[in-house]
């Protein structure tokens, strides 16, 4: 399980890639991956879940906290390429109503 982050040159797009288990153990690292970005206004956060193998309720909560953070700064959150297993979890939680999900 790991999180990597890449910020675009203009600072307006942040790619966060999650590999393996997305659970409570990653909460601090996940928060740090978006809170330590300078100039956080109008940022588009892209959460790549293509390599995630597991997601629990705390991960859903982390995504909701990121959504609130982005919303407060005029930004957005996009979930990219969730695996089939992760997509099922997102659908059960009705996250397609809260987030843009790119397949």
PDB file of N, CA and C in Angstrom:
ATOM      1  N   UNK A   1       0.843  -1.172   0.000  1.00  0.00           N
ATOM      2  CA  UNK A   1       0.000   0.000   0.000  1.00  0.00           C
ATOM      3  C   UNK A   1       0.887   1.233   0.000  1.00  0.00           C
ATOM      4  N   UNK A   2       0.580   2.133  -0.915  1.00  0.00           N
ATOM      5  CA  UNK A   2       1.344   3.376  -0.968  1.00  0.00           C
ATOM      6  C   UNK A   2       0.548   4.452  -1.691  1.00  0.00           C
ATOM      7  N   UNK A   3       1.003   5.672  -1.481  1.00  0.00           N
ATOM      8  CA  UNK A   3       0.409   6.826  -2.145  1.00  0.00           C
ATOM      9  C   UNK A   3       1.537   7.622  -2.772  1.00  0.00           C
ATOM     10  N   UNK A   4       1.352   7.967  -4.043  1.00  0.00           N
ATOM     11  CA  UNK A   4       2.300   8.866  -4.697  1.00  0.00           C
ATOM     12  C   UNK A   4       1.511  10.052  -5.226  1.00  0.00           C
ATOM     13  N   UNK A   5       2.198  11.160  -5.341  1.00  0.00           N
ATOM     14  CA  UNK A   5       1.534  12.400  -5.739  1.00  0.00           C
ATOM     15  C   UNK A   5       2.392  13.130  -6.761  1.00  0.00           C
ATOM     16  N   UNK A   6       1.727  13.729  -7.732  1.00  0.00           N
ATOM     17  CA  UNK A   6       2.416  14.535  -8.736  1.00  0.00           C
ATOM     18  C   UNK A   6       1.581  15.782  -8.985  1.00  0.00           C
ATOM     19  N   UNK A   7       2.242  16.936  -8.915  1.00  0.00           N
ATOM     20  CA  UNK A   7       1.570  18.217  -9.121  1.00  0.00           C
ATOM     21  C   UNK A   7       1.991  18.760 -10.480  1.00  0.00           C
ATOM     22  N   UNK A   8       1.021  19.260 -11.250  1.00  0.00           N
ATOM     23  CA  UNK A   8       1.333  19.831 -12.562  1.00  0.00           C
ATOM     24  C   UNK A   8       2.201  21.075 -12.407  1.00  0.00           C
ATOM     25  N   UNK A   9       2.820  21.480 -13.499  1.00  0.00           N
ATOM     26  CA  UNK A   9       3.709  22.650 -13.472  1.00  0.00           C
ATOM     27  C   UNK A   9       3.008  23.913 -12.993  1.00  0.00           C
ATOM     28  N   UNK A  10       1.751  24.090 -13.380  1.00  0.00           N
ATOM     29  CA  UNK A  10       1.030  25.294 -12.961  1.00  0.00           C
ATOM     30  C   UNK A  10       0.353  25.128 -11.599  1.00  0.00           C
ATOM     31  N   UNK A  11       0.452  23.946 -11.007  1.00  0.00           N
ATOM     32  CA  UNK A  11      -0.094  23.700  -9.679  1.00  0.00           C
ATOM     33  C   UNK A  11      -1.600  23.527  -9.626  1.00  0.00           C
ATOM     34  N   UNK A  12      -2.248  23.429 -10.779  1.00  0.00           N
ATOM     35  CA  UNK A  12      -3.712  23.358 -10.799  1.00  0.00           C
ATOM     36  C   UNK A  12      -4.258  21.935 -10.936  1.00  0.00           C
ATOM     37  N   UNK A  13      -3.358  20.973 -11.113  1.00  0.00           N
ATOM     38  CA  UNK A  13      -3.788  19.572 -11.199  1.00  0.00           C
ATOM     39  C   UNK A  13      -2.870  18.742 -10.316  1.00  0.00           C
ATOM     40  N   UNK A  14      -3.492  17.976  -9.437  1.00  0.00           N
ATOM     41  CA  UNK A  14      -2.750  17.092  -8.546  1.00  0.00           C
ATOM     42  C   UNK A  14      -3.209  15.663  -8.812  1.00  0.00           C
ATOM     43  N   UNK A  15      -2.270  14.826  -9.203  1.00  0.00           N
ATOM     44  CA  UNK A  15      -2.553  13.404  -9.397  1.00  0.00           C
ATOM     45  C   UNK A  15      -2.097  12.652  -8.155  1.00  0.00           C
ATOM     46  N   UNK A  16      -3.019  11.908  -7.566  1.00  0.00           N
ATOM     47  CA  UNK A  16      -2.707  11.093  -6.390  1.00  0.00           C
ATOM     48  C   UNK A  16      -2.999   9.647  -6.764  1.00  0.00           C
ATOM     49  N   UNK A  17      -1.956   8.814  -6.752  1.00  0.00           N
ATOM     50  CA  UNK A  17      -2.090   7.414  -7.119  1.00  0.00           C
ATOM     51  C   UNK A  17      -2.043   6.555  -5.851  1.00  0.00           C
ATOM     52  N   UNK A  18      -3.029   5.691  -5.717  1.00  0.00           N
ATOM     53  CA  UNK A  18      -3.107   4.810  -4.556  1.00  0.00           C
ATOM     54  C   UNK A  18      -2.898   3.376  -5.027  1.00  0.00           C
ATOM     55  N   UNK A  19      -1.933   2.709  -4.410  1.00  0.00           N
ATOM     56  CA  UNK A  19      -1.591   1.340  -4.762  1.00  0.00           C
ATOM     57  C   UNK A  19      -1.852   0.424  -3.571  1.00  0.00           C
ATOM     58  N   UNK A  20      -2.486  -0.699  -3.837  1.00  0.00           N
ATOM     59  CA  UNK A  20      -2.749  -1.680  -2.773  1.00  0.00           C
ATOM     60  C   UNK A  20      -3.965  -1.316  -1.948  1.00  0.00           C
ATOM     61  N   UNK A  21      -3.863  -1.512  -0.648  1.00  0.00           N
ATOM     62  CA  UNK A  21      -4.985  -1.273   0.258  1.00  0.00           C
ATOM     63  C   UNK A  21      -5.137   0.221   0.543  1.00  0.00           C
ATOM     64  N   UNK A  22      -6.342   0.714   0.386  1.00  0.00           N
ATOM     65  CA  UNK A  22      -6.673   2.098   0.719  1.00  0.00           C
ATOM     66  C   UNK A  22      -7.514   2.023   1.988  1.00  0.00           C
ATOM     67  N   UNK A  23      -6.858   2.209   3.136  1.00  0.00           N
ATOM     68  CA  UNK A  23      -7.549   2.071   4.409  1.00  0.00           C
ATOM     69  C   UNK A  23      -7.002   3.076   5.416  1.00  0.00           C
ATOM     70  N   UNK A  24      -7.412   2.921   6.652  1.00  0.00           N
ATOM     71  CA  UNK A  24      -7.080   3.872   7.709  1.00  0.00           C
ATOM     72  C   UNK A  24      -5.576   4.110   7.852  1.00  0.00           C
ATOM     73  N   UNK A  25      -4.778   3.117   7.594  1.00  0.00           N
ATOM     74  CA  UNK A  25      -3.324   3.245   7.734  1.00  0.00           C
ATOM     75  C   UNK A  25      -2.745   4.322   6.824  1.00  0.00           C
ATOM     76  N   UNK A  26      -3.453   4.666   5.767  1.00  0.00           N
ATOM     77  CA  UNK A  26      -2.974   5.682   4.821  1.00  0.00           C
ATOM     78  C   UNK A  26      -3.554   7.068   5.093  1.00  0.00           C
ATOM     79  N   UNK A  27      -4.325   7.218   6.144  1.00  0.00           N
ATOM     80  CA  UNK A  27      -5.059   8.474   6.349  1.00  0.00           C
ATOM     81  C   UNK A  27      -4.138   9.695   6.434  1.00  0.00           C
ATOM     82  N   UNK A  28      -3.080   9.630   7.207  1.00  0.00           N
ATOM     83  CA  UNK A  28      -2.195  10.796   7.344  1.00  0.00           C
ATOM     84  C   UNK A  28      -1.446  11.085   6.047  1.00  0.00           C
ATOM     85  N   UNK A  29      -0.946  10.047   5.408  1.00  0.00           N
ATOM     86  CA  UNK A  29      -0.219  10.230   4.146  1.00  0.00           C
ATOM     87  C   UNK A  29      -1.160  10.795   3.073  1.00  0.00           C
ATOM     88  N   UNK A  30      -2.392  10.303   3.042  1.00  0.00           N
ATOM     89  CA  UNK A  30      -3.364  10.794   2.070  1.00  0.00           C
ATOM     90  C   UNK A  30      -3.664  12.270   2.322  1.00  0.00           C
ATOM     91  N   UNK A  31      -3.899  12.634   3.564  1.00  0.00           N
ATOM     92  CA  UNK A  31      -4.156  14.044   3.896  1.00  0.00           C
ATOM     93  C   UNK A  31      -2.978  14.920   3.484  1.00  0.00           C
ATOM     94  N   UNK A  32      -1.778  14.472   3.799  1.00  0.00           N
ATOM     95  CA  UNK A  32      -0.583  15.238   3.453  1.00  0.00           C
ATOM     96  C   UNK A  32      -0.431  15.405   1.945  1.00  0.00           C
ATOM     97  N   UNK A  33      -0.919  14.437   1.177  1.00  0.00           N
ATOM     98  CA  UNK A  33      -0.754  14.491  -0.280  1.00  0.00           C
ATOM     99  C   UNK A  33      -1.531  15.630  -0.925  1.00  0.00           C
ATOM    100  N   UNK A  34      -2.535  16.156  -0.247  1.00  0.00           N
ATOM    101  CA  UNK A  34      -3.265  17.295  -0.815  1.00  0.00           C
ATOM    102  C   UNK A  34      -3.192  18.553   0.040  1.00  0.00           C
ATOM    103  N   UNK A  35      -2.954  18.439   1.305  1.00  0.00           N
ATOM    104  CA  UNK A  35      -2.927  19.630   2.163  1.00  0.00           C
ATOM    105  C   UNK A  35      -1.643  20.427   2.060  1.00  0.00           C
ATOM    106  N   UNK A  36      -0.581  19.825   1.599  1.00  0.00           N
ATOM    107  CA  UNK A  36       0.704  20.509   1.535  1.00  0.00           C
ATOM    108  C   UNK A  36       0.985  21.110   0.163  1.00  0.00           C
ATOM    109  N   UNK A  37      -0.057  21.296  -0.632  1.00  0.00           N
ATOM    110  CA  UNK A  37       0.077  21.897  -1.953  1.00  0.00           C
ATOM    111  C   UNK A  37      -0.008  23.410  -1.797  1.00  0.00           C
ATOM    112  N   UNK A  38       1.009  24.151  -2.275  1.00  0.00           N
ATOM    113  CA  UNK A  38       0.903  25.615  -2.203  1.00  0.00           C
ATOM    114  C   UNK A  38      -0.120  26.127  -3.221  1.00  0.00           C
ATOM    115  N   UNK A  39      -0.793  27.213  -2.902  1.00  0.00           N
ATOM    116  CA  UNK A  39      -1.777  27.804  -3.828  1.00  0.00           C
ATOM    117  C   UNK A  39      -2.892  26.838  -4.157  1.00  0.00           C
ATOM    118  N   UNK A  40      -3.728  26.505  -3.205  1.00  0.00           N
ATOM    119  CA  UNK A  40      -4.706  25.437  -3.352  1.00  0.00           C
ATOM    120  C   UNK A  40      -6.018  25.860  -4.000  1.00  0.00           C
ATOM    121  N   UNK A  41      -6.117  27.049  -4.546  1.00  0.00           N
ATOM    122  CA  UNK A  41      -7.364  27.486  -5.169  1.00  0.00           C
ATOM    123  C   UNK A  41      -7.506  26.911  -6.575  1.00  0.00           C
ATOM    124  N   UNK A  42      -8.731  26.497  -6.906  1.00  0.00           N
ATOM    125  CA  UNK A  42      -9.078  25.969  -8.228  1.00  0.00           C
ATOM    126  C   UNK A  42      -8.246  24.764  -8.649  1.00  0.00           C
ATOM    127  N   UNK A  43      -7.889  23.923  -7.715  1.00  0.00           N
ATOM    128  CA  UNK A  43      -7.090  22.739  -8.019  1.00  0.00           C
ATOM    129  C   UNK A  43      -8.017  21.570  -8.348  1.00  0.00           C
ATOM    130  N   UNK A  44      -7.643  20.807  -9.348  1.00  0.00           N
ATOM    131  CA  UNK A  44      -8.353  19.593  -9.718  1.00  0.00           C
ATOM    132  C   UNK A  44      -7.553  18.402  -9.187  1.00  0.00           C
ATOM    133  N   UNK A  45      -8.150  17.659  -8.262  1.00  0.00           N
ATOM    134  CA  UNK A  45      -7.497  16.500  -7.665  1.00  0.00           C
ATOM    135  C   UNK A  45      -7.963  15.243  -8.394  1.00  0.00           C
ATOM    136  N   UNK A  46      -7.035  14.524  -8.979  1.00  0.00           N
ATOM    137  CA  UNK A  46      -7.335  13.287  -9.688  1.00  0.00           C
ATOM    138  C   UNK A  46      -6.829  12.123  -8.845  1.00  0.00           C
ATOM    139  N   UNK A  47      -7.740  11.290  -8.385  1.00  0.00           N
ATOM    140  CA  UNK A  47      -7.405  10.156  -7.536  1.00  0.00           C
ATOM    141  C   UNK A  47      -7.402   8.903  -8.404  1.00  0.00           C
ATOM    142  N   UNK A  48      -6.213   8.373  -8.666  1.00  0.00           N
ATOM    143  CA  UNK A  48      -6.064   7.184  -9.505  1.00  0.00           C
ATOM    144  C   UNK A  48      -6.188   5.940  -8.632  1.00  0.00           C
ATOM    145  N   UNK A  49      -7.263   5.207  -8.834  1.00  0.00           N
ATOM    146  CA  UNK A  49      -7.524   4.000  -8.053  1.00  0.00           C
ATOM    147  C   UNK A  49      -7.334   2.731  -8.881  1.00  0.00           C
ATOM    148  N   UNK A  50      -6.656   2.840 -10.020  1.00  0.00           N
ATOM    149  CA  UNK A  50      -6.490   1.670 -10.892  1.00  0.00           C
ATOM    150  C   UNK A  50      -5.652   0.577 -10.250  1.00  0.00           C
ATOM    151  N   UNK A  51      -4.755   0.936  -9.329  1.00  0.00           N
ATOM    152  CA  UNK A  51      -3.907  -0.051  -8.664  1.00  0.00           C
ATOM    153  C   UNK A  51      -4.345  -0.341  -7.234  1.00  0.00           C
ATOM    154  N   UNK A  52      -5.482   0.200  -6.836  1.00  0.00           N
ATOM    155  CA  UNK A  52      -6.007  -0.069  -5.493  1.00  0.00           C
ATOM    156  C   UNK A  52      -6.688  -1.440  -5.491  1.00  0.00           C
ATOM    157  N   UNK A  53      -6.411  -2.216  -4.472  1.00  0.00           N
ATOM    158  CA  UNK A  53      -6.977  -3.569  -4.390  1.00  0.00           C
ATOM    159  C   UNK A  53      -8.054  -3.702  -3.326  1.00  0.00           C
ATOM    160  N   UNK A  54      -8.129  -2.720  -2.429  1.00  0.00           N
ATOM    161  CA  UNK A  54      -9.073  -2.788  -1.316  1.00  0.00           C
ATOM    162  C   UNK A  54      -9.391  -1.372  -0.873  1.00  0.00           C
ATOM    163  N   UNK A  55     -10.615  -1.163  -0.448  1.00  0.00           N
ATOM    164  CA  UNK A  55     -11.030   0.138   0.085  1.00  0.00           C
ATOM    165  C   UNK A  55     -12.018  -0.110   1.206  1.00  0.00           C
ATOM    166  N   UNK A  56     -11.802   0.545   2.351  1.00  0.00           N
ATOM    167  CA  UNK A  56     -12.741   0.390   3.455  1.00  0.00           C
ATOM    168  C   UNK A  56     -13.486   1.700   3.697  1.00  0.00           C
ATOM    169  N   UNK A  57     -14.319   1.717   4.711  1.00  0.00           N
ATOM    170  CA  UNK A  57     -15.139   2.898   4.974  1.00  0.00           C
ATOM    171  C   UNK A  57     -14.299   4.115   5.341  1.00  0.00           C
ATOM    172  N   UNK A  58     -13.149   3.907   5.961  1.00  0.00           N
ATOM    173  CA  UNK A  58     -12.298   5.062   6.286  1.00  0.00           C
ATOM    174  C   UNK A  58     -11.751   5.699   5.014  1.00  0.00           C
ATOM    175  N   UNK A  59     -11.489   4.906   3.983  1.00  0.00           N
ATOM    176  CA  UNK A  59     -11.043   5.460   2.703  1.00  0.00           C
ATOM    177  C   UNK A  59     -12.160   6.286   2.059  1.00  0.00           C
ATOM    178  N   UNK A  60     -13.379   5.812   2.168  1.00  0.00           N
ATOM    179  CA  UNK A  60     -14.512   6.595   1.660  1.00  0.00           C
ATOM    180  C   UNK A  60     -14.587   7.927   2.404  1.00  0.00           C
ATOM    181  N   UNK A  61     -14.385   7.884   3.700  1.00  0.00           N
ATOM    182  CA  UNK A  61     -14.376   9.110   4.498  1.00  0.00           C
ATOM    183  C   UNK A  61     -13.249  10.045   4.089  1.00  0.00           C
ATOM    184  N   UNK A  62     -12.080   9.495   3.775  1.00  0.00           N
ATOM    185  CA  UNK A  62     -10.953  10.324   3.329  1.00  0.00           C
ATOM    186  C   UNK A  62     -11.280  11.022   2.023  1.00  0.00           C
ATOM    187  N   UNK A  63     -11.955  10.324   1.124  1.00  0.00           N
ATOM    188  CA  UNK A  63     -12.355  10.947  -0.138  1.00  0.00           C
ATOM    189  C   UNK A  63     -13.359  12.070   0.103  1.00  0.00           C
ATOM    190  N   UNK A  64     -14.263  11.864   1.047  1.00  0.00           N
ATOM    191  CA  UNK A  64     -15.229  12.918   1.373  1.00  0.00           C
ATOM    192  C   UNK A  64     -14.536  14.139   1.983  1.00  0.00           C
ATOM    193  N   UNK A  65     -13.527  13.915   2.819  1.00  0.00           N
ATOM    194  CA  UNK A  65     -12.766  15.036   3.385  1.00  0.00           C
ATOM    195  C   UNK A  65     -12.009  15.791   2.292  1.00  0.00           C
ATOM    196  N   UNK A  66     -11.452  15.068   1.342  1.00  0.00           N
ATOM    197  CA  UNK A  66     -10.779  15.719   0.213  1.00  0.00           C
ATOM    198  C   UNK A  66     -11.786  16.528  -0.595  1.00  0.00           C
ATOM    199  N   UNK A  67     -12.961  15.964  -0.804  1.00  0.00           N
ATOM    200  CA  UNK A  67     -14.010  16.676  -1.556  1.00  0.00           C
ATOM    201  C   UNK A  67     -14.353  18.001  -0.866  1.00  0.00           C
ATOM    202  N   UNK A  68     -14.499  17.959   0.446  1.00  0.00           N
ATOM    203  CA  UNK A  68     -14.816  19.170   1.211  1.00  0.00           C
ATOM    204  C   UNK A  68     -13.676  20.182   1.123  1.00  0.00           C
ATOM    205  N   UNK A  69     -12.446  19.696   1.229  1.00  0.00           N
ATOM    206  CA  UNK A  69     -11.267  20.560   1.116  1.00  0.00           C
ATOM    207  C   UNK A  69     -11.237  21.244  -0.258  1.00  0.00           C
ATOM    208  N   UNK A  70     -11.425  20.464  -1.308  1.00  0.00           N
ATOM    209  CA  UNK A  70     -11.396  21.004  -2.667  1.00  0.00           C
ATOM    210  C   UNK A  70     -12.524  22.012  -2.867  1.00  0.00           C
ATOM    211  N   UNK A  71     -13.706  21.672  -2.401  1.00  0.00           N
ATOM    212  CA  UNK A  71     -14.875  22.540  -2.544  1.00  0.00           C
ATOM    213  C   UNK A  71     -14.654  23.890  -1.865  1.00  0.00           C
ATOM    214  N   UNK A  72     -14.025  23.886  -0.696  1.00  0.00           N
ATOM    215  CA  UNK A  72     -13.751  25.129   0.037  1.00  0.00           C
ATOM    216  C   UNK A  72     -12.773  26.029  -0.709  1.00  0.00           C
ATOM    217  N   UNK A  73     -11.987  25.433  -1.587  1.00  0.00           N
ATOM    218  CA  UNK A  73     -10.980  26.195  -2.340  1.00  0.00           C
ATOM    219  C   UNK A  73     -11.345  26.323  -3.825  1.00  0.00           C
ATOM    220  N   UNK A  74     -12.597  26.043  -4.176  1.00  0.00           N
ATOM    221  CA  UNK A  74     -13.049  26.179  -5.552  1.00  0.00           C
ATOM    222  C   UNK A  74     -12.527  25.110  -6.489  1.00  0.00           C
ATOM    223  N   UNK A  75     -12.087  23.989  -5.935  1.00  0.00           N
ATOM    224  CA  UNK A  75     -11.521  22.907  -6.746  1.00  0.00           C
ATOM    225  C   UNK A  75     -12.498  21.770  -6.945  1.00  0.00           C
ATOM    226  N   UNK A  76     -11.973  20.667  -7.464  1.00  0.00           N
ATOM    227  CA  UNK A  76     -12.803  19.497  -7.728  1.00  0.00           C
ATOM    228  C   UNK A  76     -11.995  18.228  -7.479  1.00  0.00           C
ATOM    229  N   UNK A  77     -12.731  17.113  -7.348  1.00  0.00           N
ATOM    230  CA  UNK A  77     -12.115  15.801  -7.168  1.00  0.00           C
ATOM    231  C   UNK A  77     -12.662  14.875  -8.239  1.00  0.00           C
ATOM    232  N   UNK A  78     -11.759  14.200  -8.921  1.00  0.00           N
ATOM    233  CA  UNK A  78     -12.118  13.249  -9.959  1.00  0.00           C
ATOM    234  C   UNK A  78     -11.482  11.913  -9.610  1.00  0.00           C
ATOM    235  N   UNK A  79     -12.278  10.867  -9.611  1.00  0.00           N
ATOM    236  CA  UNK A  79     -11.766   9.524  -9.355  1.00  0.00           C
ATOM    237  C   UNK A  79     -11.504   8.878 -10.703  1.00  0.00           C
ATOM    238  N   UNK A  80     -10.261   8.452 -10.897  1.00  0.00           N
ATOM    239  CA  UNK A  80      -9.847   7.878 -12.178  1.00  0.00           C
ATOM    240  C   UNK A  80      -9.618   6.377 -12.088  1.00  0.00           C
ATOM    241  N   UNK A  81     -10.149   5.673 -13.059  1.00  0.00           N
ATOM    242  CA  UNK A  81      -9.870   4.267 -13.317  1.00  0.00           C
ATOM    243  C   UNK A  81      -9.990   3.340 -12.109  1.00  0.00           C
ATOM    244  N   UNK A  82     -11.107   3.381 -11.391  1.00  0.00           N
ATOM    245  CA  UNK A  82     -11.230   2.435 -10.270  1.00  0.00           C
ATOM    246  C   UNK A  82     -11.281   0.999 -10.795  1.00  0.00           C
ATOM    247  N   UNK A  83     -10.642   0.101 -10.082  1.00  0.00           N
ATOM    248  CA  UNK A  83     -10.737  -1.315 -10.449  1.00  0.00           C
ATOM    249  C   UNK A  83     -12.193  -1.749 -10.276  1.00  0.00           C
ATOM    250  N   UNK A  84     -12.519  -2.897 -10.814  1.00  0.00           N
ATOM    251  CA  UNK A  84     -13.905  -3.372 -10.737  1.00  0.00           C
ATOM    252  C   UNK A  84     -14.356  -3.508  -9.282  1.00  0.00           C
ATOM    253  N   UNK A  85     -13.492  -4.053  -8.443  1.00  0.00           N
ATOM    254  CA  UNK A  85     -13.827  -4.236  -7.028  1.00  0.00           C
ATOM    255  C   UNK A  85     -14.050  -2.885  -6.343  1.00  0.00           C
ATOM    256  N   UNK A  86     -13.178  -1.938  -6.609  1.00  0.00           N
ATOM    257  CA  UNK A  86     -13.300  -0.606  -6.004  1.00  0.00           C
ATOM    258  C   UNK A  86     -14.528   0.109  -6.558  1.00  0.00           C
ATOM    259  N   UNK A  87     -14.784  -0.046  -7.838  1.00  0.00           N
ATOM    260  CA  UNK A  87     -15.954   0.581  -8.451  1.00  0.00           C
ATOM    261  C   UNK A  87     -17.242   0.084  -7.799  1.00  0.00           C
ATOM    262  N   UNK A  88     -17.306  -1.201  -7.483  1.00  0.00           N
ATOM    263  CA  UNK A  88     -18.494  -1.745  -6.804  1.00  0.00           C
ATOM    264  C   UNK A  88     -18.698  -1.084  -5.447  1.00  0.00           C
ATOM    265  N   UNK A  89     -17.613  -0.862  -4.722  1.00  0.00           N
ATOM    266  CA  UNK A  89     -17.704  -0.202  -3.418  1.00  0.00           C
ATOM    267  C   UNK A  89     -18.197   1.230  -3.584  1.00  0.00           C
ATOM    268  N   UNK A  90     -17.653   1.936  -4.577  1.00  0.00           N
ATOM    269  CA  UNK A  90     -18.072   3.320  -4.838  1.00  0.00           C
ATOM    270  C   UNK A  90     -19.553   3.390  -5.206  1.00  0.00           C
ATOM    271  N   UNK A  91     -20.011   2.428  -5.982  1.00  0.00           N
ATOM    272  CA  UNK A  91     -21.425   2.412  -6.380  1.00  0.00           C
ATOM    273  C   UNK A  91     -22.345   2.132  -5.199  1.00  0.00           C
ATOM    274  N   UNK A  92     -21.966   1.198  -4.347  1.00  0.00           N
ATOM    275  CA  UNK A  92     -22.778   0.884  -3.166  1.00  0.00           C
ATOM    276  C   UNK A  92     -22.893   2.115  -2.268  1.00  0.00           C
ATOM    277  N   UNK A  93     -21.809   2.902  -2.198  1.00  0.00           N
ATOM    278  CA  UNK A  93     -21.796   4.113  -1.365  1.00  0.00           C
ATOM    279  C   UNK A  93     -22.386   5.324  -2.100  1.00  0.00           C
ATOM    280  N   UNK A  94     -22.879   5.129  -3.325  1.00  0.00           N
ATOM    281  CA  UNK A  94     -23.459   6.199  -4.145  1.00  0.00           C
ATOM    282  C   UNK A  94     -22.485   7.348  -4.412  1.00  0.00           C
ATOM    283  N   UNK A  95     -21.206   7.028  -4.537  1.00  0.00           N
ATOM    284  CA  UNK A  95     -20.210   8.073  -4.765  1.00  0.00           C
ATOM    285  C   UNK A  95     -20.276   8.650  -6.176  1.00  0.00           C
ATOM    286  N   UNK A  96     -20.938   7.962  -7.101  1.00  0.00           N
ATOM    287  CA  UNK A  96     -21.077   8.531  -8.448  1.00  0.00           C
ATOM    288  C   UNK A  96     -21.951   9.783  -8.424  1.00  0.00           C
ATOM    289  N   UNK A  97     -22.708   9.974  -7.362  1.00  0.00           N
ATOM    290  CA  UNK A  97     -23.512  11.186  -7.218  1.00  0.00           C
ATOM    291  C   UNK A  97     -22.698  12.342  -6.635  1.00  0.00           C
ATOM    292  N   UNK A  98     -21.573  12.030  -6.009  1.00  0.00           N
ATOM    293  CA  UNK A  98     -20.757  13.052  -5.356  1.00  0.00           C
ATOM    294  C   UNK A  98     -19.483  13.393  -6.117  1.00  0.00           C
ATOM    295  N   UNK A  99     -19.000  12.464  -6.908  1.00  0.00           N
ATOM    296  CA  UNK A  99     -17.721  12.607  -7.603  1.00  0.00           C
ATOM    297  C   UNK A  99     -17.887  12.318  -9.086  1.00  0.00           C
ATOM    298  N   UNK A 100     -17.013  12.896  -9.880  1.00  0.00           N
ATOM    299  CA  UNK A 100     -16.871  12.480 -11.269  1.00  0.00           C
ATOM    300  C   UNK A 100     -15.974  11.253 -11.256  1.00  0.00           C
ATOM    301  N   UNK A 101     -16.430  10.186 -11.900  1.00  0.00           N
ATOM    302  CA  UNK A 101     -15.643   8.957 -11.970  1.00  0.00           C
ATOM    303  C   UNK A 101     -15.342   8.677 -13.437  1.00  0.00           C
ATOM    304  N   UNK A 102     -14.052   8.633 -13.768  1.00  0.00           N
ATOM    305  CA  UNK A 102     -13.607   8.331 -15.134  1.00  0.00           C
ATOM    306  C   UNK A 102     -13.177   6.870 -15.213  1.00  0.00           C
ATOM    307  N   UNK A 103     -13.755   6.169 -16.192  1.00  0.00           N
ATOM    308  CA  UNK A 103     -13.426   4.733 -16.356  1.00  0.00           C
ATOM    309  C   UNK A 103     -12.440   4.519 -17.461  1.00  0.00           C
TER     310      UNK A 103
END
